[in-house]
Amino acid sequence: MKTKNSDKEQPNNPLHGVKLAEILQYLVSEYGWKELGAIIKINSFNNNPTIKSSLKFLRKTPWARTKVENLYLKSIQK
């Protein structure tokens, strides 16, 4: 049976408990869509960007999600 204390389950995962939507909202507020699209070449960041369309793409595309998560980790460690 799993415990409800998720910190014990993944103590070394800095993304544990952080939703993809929260990550994306943080990056958009930090960089803006234009700069985010320049850093990570994803159409949903460059052409009529929305949180909803970007989340849909990121959930289906592992390489893009990894790039977004890595940028988030670098950004919060500044």
N, C-alpha and C. Protein backbone atom coordinates (compact mmCIF):
# COMPACT_ATOMS: atom_id res chain seq x y z
N MET A 1 0.84 -1.18 0.00
CA MET A 1 0.00 0.00 0.00
C MET A 1 0.88 1.24 0.00
N LYS A 2 0.56 2.21 -0.85
CA LYS A 2 1.33 3.44 -0.93
C LYS A 2 0.96 4.36 0.22
N THR A 3 1.97 5.06 0.70
CA THR A 3 1.70 6.06 1.74
C THR A 3 1.33 7.38 1.08
N LYS A 4 0.69 8.24 1.85
CA LYS A 4 0.31 9.54 1.30
C LYS A 4 1.46 10.54 1.36
N ASN A 5 2.54 10.18 2.03
CA ASN A 5 3.68 11.07 2.12
C ASN A 5 4.54 10.92 0.88
N SER A 6 4.27 11.73 -0.14
CA SER A 6 4.96 11.60 -1.42
C SER A 6 6.42 12.01 -1.35
N ASP A 7 6.81 12.78 -0.33
CA ASP A 7 8.21 13.16 -0.21
C ASP A 7 9.10 11.94 0.01
N LYS A 8 8.59 10.94 0.69
CA LYS A 8 9.36 9.73 0.93
C LYS A 8 9.44 8.86 -0.32
N GLU A 9 8.44 8.95 -1.19
CA GLU A 9 8.41 8.14 -2.39
C GLU A 9 9.41 8.61 -3.43
N GLN A 10 9.60 9.92 -3.58
CA GLN A 10 10.52 10.47 -4.58
C GLN A 10 11.30 11.65 -3.98
N PRO A 11 12.16 11.38 -3.01
CA PRO A 11 12.83 12.48 -2.32
C PRO A 11 13.81 13.27 -3.19
N ASN A 12 14.33 12.66 -4.26
CA ASN A 12 15.34 13.34 -5.08
C ASN A 12 14.78 13.89 -6.39
N ASN A 13 13.48 13.88 -6.57
CA ASN A 13 12.87 14.36 -7.80
C ASN A 13 12.33 15.78 -7.58
N PRO A 14 13.02 16.80 -8.09
CA PRO A 14 12.58 18.18 -7.86
C PRO A 14 11.27 18.52 -8.57
N LEU A 15 10.85 17.70 -9.52
CA LEU A 15 9.59 17.94 -10.23
C LEU A 15 8.40 17.23 -9.58
N HIS A 16 8.66 16.39 -8.60
CA HIS A 16 7.58 15.64 -7.98
C HIS A 16 6.60 16.60 -7.29
N GLY A 17 5.34 16.45 -7.65
CA GLY A 17 4.30 17.29 -7.05
C GLY A 17 4.06 18.59 -7.79
N VAL A 18 4.87 18.87 -8.81
CA VAL A 18 4.70 20.09 -9.61
C VAL A 18 3.98 19.70 -10.89
N LYS A 19 2.83 20.32 -11.12
CA LYS A 19 2.05 20.00 -12.31
C LYS A 19 2.64 20.65 -13.54
N LEU A 20 2.45 19.99 -14.68
CA LEU A 20 2.95 20.52 -15.94
C LEU A 20 2.36 21.91 -16.22
N ALA A 21 1.10 22.10 -15.88
CA ALA A 21 0.47 23.41 -16.08
C ALA A 21 1.17 24.49 -15.26
N GLU A 22 1.57 24.17 -14.04
CA GLU A 22 2.28 25.12 -13.18
C GLU A 22 3.65 25.46 -13.78
N ILE A 23 4.33 24.44 -14.30
CA ILE A 23 5.63 24.64 -14.92
C ILE A 23 5.50 25.59 -16.11
N LEU A 24 4.53 25.31 -16.96
CA LEU A 24 4.33 26.12 -18.16
C LEU A 24 3.94 27.56 -17.80
N GLN A 25 3.05 27.72 -16.85
CA GLN A 25 2.64 29.07 -16.43
C GLN A 25 3.83 29.85 -15.86
N TYR A 26 4.68 29.18 -15.10
CA TYR A 26 5.87 29.83 -14.57
C TYR A 26 6.78 30.29 -15.70
N LEU A 27 7.03 29.40 -16.67
CA LEU A 27 7.93 29.74 -17.77
C LEU A 27 7.38 30.87 -18.62
N VAL A 28 6.08 30.88 -18.85
CA VAL A 28 5.47 31.97 -19.63
C VAL A 28 5.59 33.28 -18.87
N SER A 29 5.39 33.26 -17.57
CA SER A 29 5.52 34.50 -16.79
C SER A 29 6.97 34.96 -16.71
N GLU A 30 7.90 34.01 -16.70
CA GLU A 30 9.33 34.32 -16.61
C GLU A 30 9.89 34.83 -17.94
N TYR A 31 9.52 34.17 -19.04
CA TYR A 31 10.13 34.45 -20.34
C TYR A 31 9.18 35.11 -21.35
N GLY A 32 7.90 34.84 -21.24
CA GLY A 32 6.95 35.26 -22.26
C GLY A 32 6.95 34.25 -23.39
N TRP A 33 5.87 34.23 -24.18
CA TRP A 33 5.75 33.25 -25.26
C TRP A 33 6.84 33.40 -26.30
N LYS A 34 7.15 34.65 -26.66
CA LYS A 34 8.12 34.88 -27.74
C LYS A 34 9.50 34.32 -27.39
N GLU A 35 9.99 34.67 -26.21
CA GLU A 35 11.31 34.18 -25.80
C GLU A 35 11.28 32.67 -25.55
N LEU A 36 10.18 32.18 -24.97
CA LEU A 36 10.06 30.74 -24.73
C LEU A 36 10.10 29.98 -26.05
N GLY A 37 9.43 30.51 -27.07
CA GLY A 37 9.45 29.89 -28.39
C GLY A 37 10.81 29.94 -29.06
N ALA A 38 11.59 30.96 -28.71
CA ALA A 38 12.95 31.05 -29.26
C ALA A 38 13.89 30.06 -28.56
N ILE A 39 13.68 29.85 -27.27
CA ILE A 39 14.51 28.93 -26.51
C ILE A 39 14.19 27.48 -26.87
N ILE A 40 12.90 27.17 -26.92
CA ILE A 40 12.45 25.82 -27.25
C ILE A 40 11.59 25.92 -28.51
N LYS A 41 12.08 25.37 -29.59
CA LYS A 41 11.41 25.48 -30.89
C LYS A 41 10.19 24.56 -30.95
N ILE A 42 9.06 25.07 -30.49
CA ILE A 42 7.80 24.32 -30.50
C ILE A 42 6.74 25.22 -31.12
N ASN A 43 6.04 24.72 -32.12
CA ASN A 43 5.04 25.53 -32.82
C ASN A 43 3.98 26.11 -31.88
N SER A 44 3.56 25.33 -30.89
CA SER A 44 2.52 25.83 -30.00
C SER A 44 3.00 26.98 -29.12
N PHE A 45 4.31 27.23 -29.09
CA PHE A 45 4.84 28.40 -28.38
C PHE A 45 4.95 29.61 -29.31
N ASN A 46 5.01 29.36 -30.61
CA ASN A 46 5.26 30.44 -31.57
C ASN A 46 4.04 30.87 -32.37
N ASN A 47 3.10 29.97 -32.60
CA ASN A 47 1.94 30.28 -33.44
C ASN A 47 0.67 30.27 -32.61
N ASN A 48 0.15 31.46 -32.31
CA ASN A 48 -1.08 31.60 -31.53
C ASN A 48 -1.02 30.78 -30.23
N PRO A 49 -0.03 31.06 -29.37
CA PRO A 49 0.19 30.23 -28.19
C PRO A 49 -0.88 30.39 -27.11
N THR A 50 -1.27 29.27 -26.53
CA THR A 50 -2.13 29.25 -25.36
C THR A 50 -1.62 28.17 -24.42
N ILE A 51 -1.95 28.31 -23.16
CA ILE A 51 -1.58 27.29 -22.18
C ILE A 51 -2.22 25.96 -22.58
N LYS A 52 -3.50 26.00 -22.94
CA LYS A 52 -4.24 24.78 -23.26
C LYS A 52 -3.62 24.01 -24.44
N SER A 53 -3.34 24.72 -25.54
CA SER A 53 -2.78 24.03 -26.71
C SER A 53 -1.37 23.52 -26.42
N SER A 54 -0.61 24.29 -25.66
CA SER A 54 0.75 23.86 -25.33
C SER A 54 0.74 22.64 -24.42
N LEU A 55 -0.15 22.63 -23.43
CA LEU A 55 -0.24 21.47 -22.54
C LEU A 55 -0.63 20.21 -23.32
N LYS A 56 -1.56 20.36 -24.23
CA LYS A 56 -2.00 19.22 -25.04
C LYS A 56 -0.81 18.63 -25.81
N PHE A 57 -0.03 19.51 -26.42
CA PHE A 57 1.15 19.06 -27.18
C PHE A 57 2.19 18.43 -26.26
N LEU A 58 2.49 19.09 -25.15
CA LEU A 58 3.52 18.60 -24.25
C LEU A 58 3.17 17.25 -23.64
N ARG A 59 1.90 17.03 -23.38
CA ARG A 59 1.49 15.74 -22.80
C ARG A 59 1.64 14.59 -23.78
N LYS A 60 1.60 14.89 -25.07
CA LYS A 60 1.72 13.85 -26.10
C LYS A 60 3.13 13.71 -26.64
N THR A 61 4.05 14.63 -26.28
CA THR A 61 5.35 14.68 -26.91
C THR A 61 6.47 14.68 -25.85
N PRO A 62 6.98 13.50 -25.53
CA PRO A 62 7.97 13.38 -24.44
C PRO A 62 9.21 14.25 -24.61
N TRP A 63 9.77 14.36 -25.83
CA TRP A 63 11.00 15.15 -26.00
C TRP A 63 10.73 16.63 -25.68
N ALA A 64 9.56 17.13 -26.04
CA ALA A 64 9.24 18.53 -25.78
C ALA A 64 9.00 18.76 -24.29
N ARG A 65 8.32 17.83 -23.67
CA ARG A 65 8.08 17.94 -22.23
C ARG A 65 9.40 17.95 -21.46
N THR A 66 10.33 17.09 -21.88
CA THR A 66 11.64 17.04 -21.23
C THR A 66 12.36 18.38 -21.35
N LYS A 67 12.30 19.00 -22.52
CA LYS A 67 12.95 20.30 -22.71
C LYS A 67 12.32 21.36 -21.82
N VAL A 68 11.00 21.35 -21.71
CA VAL A 68 10.29 22.32 -20.87
C VAL A 68 10.64 22.09 -19.39
N GLU A 69 10.65 20.85 -18.96
CA GLU A 69 10.99 20.54 -17.58
C GLU A 69 12.43 20.93 -17.26
N ASN A 70 13.35 20.68 -18.18
CA ASN A 70 14.76 21.05 -17.96
C ASN A 70 14.93 22.57 -17.88
N LEU A 71 14.23 23.31 -18.73
CA LEU A 71 14.30 24.76 -18.68
C LEU A 71 13.73 25.27 -17.35
N TYR A 72 12.66 24.66 -16.90
CA TYR A 72 12.06 25.02 -15.61
C TYR A 72 13.07 24.81 -14.47
N LEU A 73 13.71 23.66 -14.48
CA LEU A 73 14.69 23.37 -13.42
C LEU A 73 15.84 24.36 -13.43
N LYS A 74 16.33 24.70 -14.63
CA LYS A 74 17.40 25.70 -14.73
C LYS A 74 16.92 27.07 -14.24
N SER A 75 15.69 27.41 -14.55
CA SER A 75 15.13 28.72 -14.21
C SER A 75 14.94 28.90 -12.70
N ILE A 76 14.53 27.83 -12.01
CA ILE A 76 14.29 27.98 -10.58
C ILE A 76 15.57 27.90 -9.77
N GLN A 77 16.66 27.51 -10.41
CA GLN A 77 17.95 27.40 -9.71
C GLN A 77 18.81 28.66 -9.87
N LYS A 78 18.26 29.69 -10.49
CA LYS A 78 19.03 30.93 -10.71
C LYS A 78 19.42 31.56 -9.39
